[in-house]
Amino acid sequence: MRRLTTANRNRYDIYAEVLMVLRFYDEAGISQIGRRANIPLDRARSVVQFMISRGLIVKFENQEKRPKYLYKATTRGDKYLELYKDLSILVVETTEEELDLLDRELME
């Protein structure tokens, strides 16, 4: 997946990557979120907690064995991701095709 390097990402980029992970997998545990968004586990926990407090994602107990808790994007989180993509096109001069490519590469 083509990503911004960790040094070049701001918190809004990281929120968007977490939401892209949750959009692709529908629901995911904290380890999977951290791995796929390319952030350390301790930072993933704090980012996810912040996003929960802002209503971008929800946490729920997994009825199966592991992981114990799963996370899922909310409608508000989906709206954030759409706005993020629109702003990226305007501000960073990222084309719609490049954003679609990022979404497809996340599937790998």
Protein backbone atom coordinates (compact mmCIF):
# COMPACT_ATOMS: atom_id res chain seq x y z
CA MET A 1 0.00 0.00 0.00
CA ARG A 2 1.34 3.42 -0.88
CA ARG A 3 1.33 5.42 2.32
CA LEU A 4 2.71 8.64 3.55
CA THR A 5 5.78 7.93 5.59
CA THR A 6 5.09 7.91 9.30
CA ALA A 7 7.08 11.12 9.72
CA ASN A 8 4.91 12.89 7.15
CA ARG A 9 1.52 11.88 8.53
CA ASN A 10 -0.44 14.14 10.80
CA ARG A 11 -3.18 13.00 13.15
CA TYR A 12 -5.89 13.52 10.53
CA ASP A 13 -4.04 11.27 8.08
CA ILE A 14 -3.80 8.59 10.77
CA TYR A 15 -7.52 8.89 11.59
CA ALA A 16 -8.29 8.45 7.90
CA GLU A 17 -6.04 5.38 7.64
CA VAL A 18 -7.73 3.80 10.67
CA LEU A 19 -11.12 4.45 9.07
CA MET A 20 -9.92 2.99 5.76
CA VAL A 21 -8.88 -0.17 7.61
CA LEU A 22 -12.29 -0.38 9.28
CA ARG A 23 -14.09 0.33 6.01
CA PHE A 24 -12.22 -2.49 4.29
CA TYR A 25 -12.49 -5.09 7.08
CA ASP A 26 -15.86 -3.83 8.37
CA GLU A 27 -14.66 -4.57 11.91
CA ALA A 28 -11.20 -5.19 13.32
CA GLY A 29 -9.29 -5.71 16.54
CA ILE A 30 -6.75 -3.22 17.84
CA SER A 31 -3.74 -5.25 16.63
CA GLN A 32 -5.07 -5.45 13.10
CA ILE A 33 -5.84 -1.73 13.09
CA GLY A 34 -2.32 -0.91 14.24
CA ARG A 35 -0.70 -3.26 11.73
CA ARG A 36 -2.76 -2.14 8.74
CA ALA A 37 -2.56 1.58 9.58
CA ASN A 38 1.18 1.22 10.25
CA ILE A 39 1.15 2.66 13.76
CA PRO A 40 2.57 1.19 16.99
CA LEU A 41 0.09 -0.64 19.20
CA ASP A 42 0.27 1.84 22.07
CA ARG A 43 -0.39 4.73 19.68
CA ALA A 44 -3.17 2.75 17.98
CA ARG A 45 -4.87 2.37 21.37
CA SER A 46 -4.77 6.11 22.08
CA VAL A 47 -5.89 7.02 18.54
CA VAL A 48 -8.79 4.55 18.73
CA GLN A 49 -9.84 5.87 22.16
CA PHE A 50 -9.86 9.42 20.81
CA MET A 51 -11.86 8.36 17.76
CA ILE A 52 -14.39 6.59 19.99
CA SER A 53 -14.76 9.76 22.09
CA ARG A 54 -15.53 11.72 18.91
CA GLY A 55 -18.06 9.21 17.63
CA LEU A 56 -16.00 8.15 14.60
CA ILE A 57 -15.82 4.49 15.62
CA VAL A 58 -17.52 2.20 18.13
CA LYS A 59 -16.11 -0.55 20.32
CA PHE A 60 -18.04 -3.72 21.00
CA GLU A 61 -17.38 -7.06 22.62
CA ASN A 62 -16.57 -9.91 20.27
CA GLN A 63 -18.90 -12.87 20.77
CA GLU A 64 -16.22 -15.23 19.49
CA LYS A 65 -12.90 -15.97 21.20
CA ARG A 66 -10.36 -13.41 20.02
CA PRO A 67 -9.85 -10.52 19.87
CA LYS A 68 -11.95 -9.66 22.89
CA TYR A 69 -13.04 -6.28 21.48
CA LEU A 70 -13.69 -5.20 17.92
CA TYR A 71 -14.03 -1.76 16.42
CA LYS A 72 -16.29 -0.55 13.64
CA ALA A 73 -16.59 2.77 11.80
CA THR A 74 -19.75 4.77 12.42
CA THR A 75 -21.72 6.83 9.91
CA ARG A 76 -19.90 9.85 11.29
CA GLY A 77 -16.58 8.09 10.65
CA ASP A 78 -17.60 7.35 7.07
CA LYS A 79 -18.48 11.04 6.64
CA TYR A 80 -15.06 12.03 8.03
CA LEU A 81 -13.33 9.76 5.52
CA GLU A 82 -15.30 11.21 2.60
CA LEU A 83 -14.49 14.77 3.70
CA TYR A 84 -10.84 13.81 4.17
CA LYS A 85 -10.68 12.48 0.62
CA ASP A 86 -12.35 15.61 -0.75
CA LEU A 87 -9.91 17.85 1.12
CA SER A 88 -6.95 15.76 -0.01
CA ILE A 89 -7.94 16.34 -3.60
CA LEU A 90 -8.19 20.11 -3.04
CA VAL A 91 -5.21 20.68 -0.77
CA VAL A 92 -2.63 18.05 -1.59
CA GLU A 93 -3.49 17.80 -5.26
CA THR A 94 -4.15 14.10 -4.87
CA THR A 95 -6.24 12.79 -7.72
CA GLU A 96 -9.35 10.72 -7.28
CA GLU A 97 -7.49 7.85 -8.98
CA GLU A 98 -4.66 8.00 -6.42
CA LEU A 99 -7.15 7.84 -3.55
CA ASP A 100 -8.89 4.88 -5.19
CA LEU A 101 -5.49 3.22 -5.58
CA LEU A 102 -4.85 3.70 -1.85
CA ASP A 103 -8.18 2.02 -1.09
CA ARG A 104 -7.37 -0.92 -3.40
CA GLU A 105 -3.85 -1.34 -1.99
CA LEU A 106 -5.30 -1.55 1.50
CA MET A 107 -7.00 -4.75 0.42
CA GLU A 108 -3.63 -6.45 -0.12
